[in-house]
Protein backbone atom coordinates (compact mmCIF):
# COMPACT_ATOMS: atom_id res chain seq x y z
CA MET A 1 136.46 -68.76 456.83
CA VAL A 2 137.69 -69.72 453.40
CA ASN A 3 138.42 -66.39 452.67
CA ARG A 4 140.89 -66.39 455.78
CA VAL A 5 142.44 -69.61 454.97
CA ALA A 6 143.10 -68.61 451.16
CA ALA A 7 144.40 -64.86 452.67
CA ARG A 8 146.71 -66.87 454.95
CA HIS A 9 148.15 -69.05 452.00
CA SER A 10 148.16 -66.44 449.55
CA VAL A 11 150.70 -64.51 452.44
CA SER A 12 152.68 -67.87 453.12
CA ALA A 13 152.86 -68.24 449.49
CA ALA A 14 154.67 -64.58 449.07
CA ILE A 15 156.42 -65.09 452.03
CA ILE A 16 158.24 -68.47 450.60
CA ARG A 17 158.48 -67.04 447.12
CA SER A 18 160.39 -63.90 448.83
CA VAL A 19 162.90 -66.08 450.71
CA VAL A 20 163.41 -68.33 447.84
CA VAL A 21 164.38 -65.43 445.35
CA ARG A 22 166.53 -63.95 448.05
CA ARG A 23 168.16 -67.20 448.67
CA THR A 24 168.34 -67.87 444.82
CA VAL A 25 170.14 -64.47 444.48
CA MET A 26 172.44 -64.92 447.31
CA VAL A 27 173.49 -68.27 445.89
CA CYS A 28 174.19 -66.93 442.63
CA VAL A 29 176.07 -63.88 443.90
CA LEU A 30 178.51 -66.22 445.97
CA ALA A 31 178.65 -68.39 443.23
CA VAL A 32 179.86 -65.43 440.69
CA VAL A 33 182.69 -63.97 443.92
CA ALA A 34 183.81 -68.27 444.20
CA TYR A 35 184.13 -68.31 440.29
CA VAL A 36 186.26 -64.96 440.37
CA ALA A 37 188.23 -65.82 443.04
CA VAL A 38 189.30 -68.80 441.83
CA TRP A 39 189.88 -67.37 438.11
CA TRP A 40 192.16 -64.97 440.02
CA MET A 41 194.35 -67.52 442.05
CA PHE A 42 194.66 -69.55 439.15
CA SER A 43 195.61 -66.91 436.68
CA GLU A 44 198.85 -65.50 438.57
CA GLU A 45 201.23 -65.94 435.90
CA GLU A 46 205.07 -67.16 436.93
CA GLU A 47 206.30 -64.47 434.88
CA PRO A 48 206.13 -60.63 435.50
CA ALA A 49 203.44 -58.61 433.76
CA GLN A 50 203.09 -58.62 430.15
CA ALA A 51 204.31 -55.21 429.67
CA THR A 52 208.01 -56.13 431.32
CA GLN A 53 208.20 -58.53 428.04
CA ALA A 54 208.77 -58.19 424.58
CA PHE A 55 208.98 -59.95 421.39
CA VAL A 56 211.60 -59.53 419.53
CA THR A 57 212.08 -59.65 415.99
CA ASP A 58 215.54 -57.97 415.31
CA TYR A 59 218.16 -59.36 417.56
CA SER A 60 220.51 -55.92 417.37
CA LYS A 61 217.97 -54.18 419.22
CA VAL A 62 218.19 -56.75 422.27
CA GLU A 63 220.77 -55.47 425.39
CA LYS A 64 223.43 -57.19 426.67
CA GLY A 65 222.40 -58.66 430.00
CA SER A 66 218.84 -59.36 429.05
CA CYS A 67 217.14 -62.57 429.59
CA VAL A 68 215.22 -64.07 426.80
CA ARG A 69 212.83 -67.27 426.55
CA PHE A 70 211.95 -69.06 423.20
CA THR A 71 208.58 -68.29 422.03
CA GLY A 72 206.65 -70.78 420.03
CA PRO A 73 206.77 -74.70 420.04
CA GLY A 74 210.51 -74.88 420.16
CA GLU A 75 214.12 -73.29 419.69
CA ASN A 76 214.10 -74.05 415.78
CA ASP A 77 211.48 -71.09 415.17
CA GLN A 78 213.80 -68.64 417.08
CA GLY A 79 210.91 -66.40 418.14
CA LEU A 80 212.47 -64.73 421.46
CA THR A 81 210.50 -62.85 424.00
CA VAL A 82 212.37 -60.58 426.16
CA VAL A 83 211.82 -61.42 429.97
CA ASP A 84 212.87 -60.35 433.52
CA CYS A 85 215.41 -62.01 434.82
CA ALA A 86 214.20 -63.30 437.87
CA GLY A 87 211.20 -64.91 436.26
CA ALA A 88 210.92 -68.90 436.57
CA LYS A 89 211.61 -69.23 432.48
CA ALA A 90 214.35 -67.04 432.31
CA ALA A 91 216.93 -69.82 431.15
CA LEU A 92 218.94 -67.76 428.91
CA ARG A 93 220.85 -64.17 429.21
CA VAL A 94 222.38 -62.68 426.61
CA GLY A 95 225.99 -62.10 426.91
CA THR A 96 226.98 -60.50 424.02
CA VAL A 97 224.88 -58.82 420.93
CA LEU A 98 227.06 -59.34 417.31
CA THR A 99 226.47 -56.56 414.71
CA GLU A 100 227.35 -58.96 411.93
CA THR A 101 225.75 -62.69 411.43
CA SER A 102 229.07 -64.16 410.36
CA GLY A 103 230.70 -62.50 413.93
CA ALA A 104 232.19 -64.84 416.67
CA CYS A 105 231.59 -64.80 420.28
CA PRO A 106 233.91 -64.13 422.80
CA ARG A 107 235.66 -66.72 424.66
CA GLY A 108 233.07 -69.12 426.03
CA ASP A 109 230.43 -71.89 425.12
CA TYR A 110 227.66 -69.53 423.97
CA LYS A 111 224.20 -70.70 422.33
CA VAL A 112 224.48 -68.45 419.04
CA LEU A 113 221.29 -67.34 417.65
CA ARG A 114 221.65 -65.57 413.94
CA ASP A 115 219.41 -63.20 412.56
CA THR A 116 220.05 -62.74 408.94
CA ARG A 117 217.20 -60.99 407.82
CA ASN A 118 218.82 -57.91 410.36
CA ASN A 119 222.67 -58.85 410.14
CA ALA A 120 222.93 -59.73 414.33
CA ALA A 121 223.21 -62.58 416.36
CA LEU A 122 222.99 -63.04 419.73
CA CYS A 123 225.46 -65.08 422.24
CA LEU A 124 223.59 -66.79 424.75
CA MET A 125 224.51 -68.27 428.02
CA PRO A 126 222.62 -69.83 431.11
CA ASN A 127 220.74 -67.44 433.28
CA ALA A 128 222.39 -69.14 436.53
CA ALA A 129 223.04 -68.08 440.27
CA ARG A 130 224.32 -70.47 442.94
CA GLY A 131 221.55 -73.37 443.67
CA ASP A 132 219.98 -73.08 440.25
CA CYS A 133 219.34 -76.31 438.42
CA PHE A 134 219.25 -76.85 434.58
CA GLU A 135 218.61 -79.47 432.05
CA TYR A 136 221.34 -78.81 429.12
CA ASP A 137 223.82 -81.07 427.11
CA THR A 138 227.08 -79.61 428.87
CA GLY A 139 229.07 -81.24 426.13
CA ASP A 140 226.82 -79.22 422.96
CA LEU A 141 225.29 -76.23 424.45
CA GLN A 142 224.51 -74.77 421.03
CA ARG A 143 222.60 -77.74 420.32
CA SER A 144 221.19 -77.85 424.02
CA VAL A 145 217.77 -76.89 425.07
CA VAL A 146 218.64 -74.97 427.95
CA SER A 147 215.76 -75.34 430.97
CA LYS A 148 215.74 -74.03 434.05
CA PHE A 149 213.95 -76.08 436.46
CA ASP A 150 212.99 -76.60 439.95
CA CYS A 151 215.99 -79.25 441.75
CA ALA A 152 213.80 -82.06 442.31
CA ALA A 153 212.57 -82.45 438.69
CA PRO A 154 213.56 -85.54 437.07
CA ARG A 155 214.96 -83.75 433.96
CA VAL A 156 217.39 -81.97 435.97
CA ASN A 157 221.35 -82.95 434.87
CA VAL A 158 223.20 -80.21 436.26
CA GLN A 159 223.49 -77.59 439.56
CA VAL A 160 225.16 -74.50 439.46
CA VAL A 161 227.52 -74.76 442.23
CA ASP A 162 229.38 -71.26 441.58
CA VAL A 163 229.34 -68.10 439.39
CA ALA A 164 233.21 -67.63 439.84
CA ARG A 165 235.44 -64.84 438.52
CA GLU A 166 238.23 -67.16 437.63
CA SER A 167 238.54 -70.80 438.99
CA CYS A 168 235.50 -73.12 440.23
CA PRO A 169 235.83 -73.96 443.68
CA GLU A 170 236.83 -77.79 444.60
CA GLU A 171 232.73 -79.02 444.70
CA ALA A 172 232.28 -77.83 441.32
CA GLU A 173 233.12 -81.05 438.65
CA PHE A 174 233.33 -78.77 436.03
CA GLY A 175 233.50 -75.16 434.90
CA VAL A 176 231.99 -73.92 431.59
CA PRO A 177 234.15 -70.53 430.93
CA TYR A 178 232.54 -67.29 429.49
CA GLU A 179 234.00 -63.79 428.64
CA GLU A 180 233.42 -62.59 432.22
CA MET A 181 232.73 -65.24 434.33
CA THR A 182 233.10 -69.46 434.88
CA LEU A 183 229.88 -70.98 435.38
CA CYS A 184 230.97 -73.77 438.06
CA LEU A 185 228.82 -77.17 437.60
CA ARG A 186 228.16 -80.29 438.95
CA ARG A 187 226.24 -83.19 437.87
CA VAL A 188 223.22 -84.11 439.61
CA ARG A 189 222.12 -87.53 437.37
């Protein structure tokens, strides 16, 4: 009788161990799947894939119409990355590439970055479309940090009313002229 009880106890213990091991393995697998799912959801970038971005070390190699963002802690390091113009961080567009650092940008209120090492300069303007909102000093674009934001952001001070060929519509408070267009803006705050 003792052997039967011991045998039943042994079988019961083996079944319980088997169930515990299976549940432990299942919990571990589910934890790994959940971790991968959370990592994937939060690792999505606002910008297009890295393959479409390129760090710029020679301004003469940048093409007119490309969009750039500053790389590093601030604009003063003048490290630039060429990015997709549709990206959320593409606040600046190359209006003109100058082949000499002493050259002047065409008509317009451009932000100028000079590359003395490669004797080139970039004339940058906001990468703007109707409805876009920016924070920048409209009185001194050269010194301004041009940043594109969601229009509800507290830092926004201007909104693009239109990108016109010539004159701005009536709802625009002022226009910022460039060689090929006029950026029509209204103050937000």
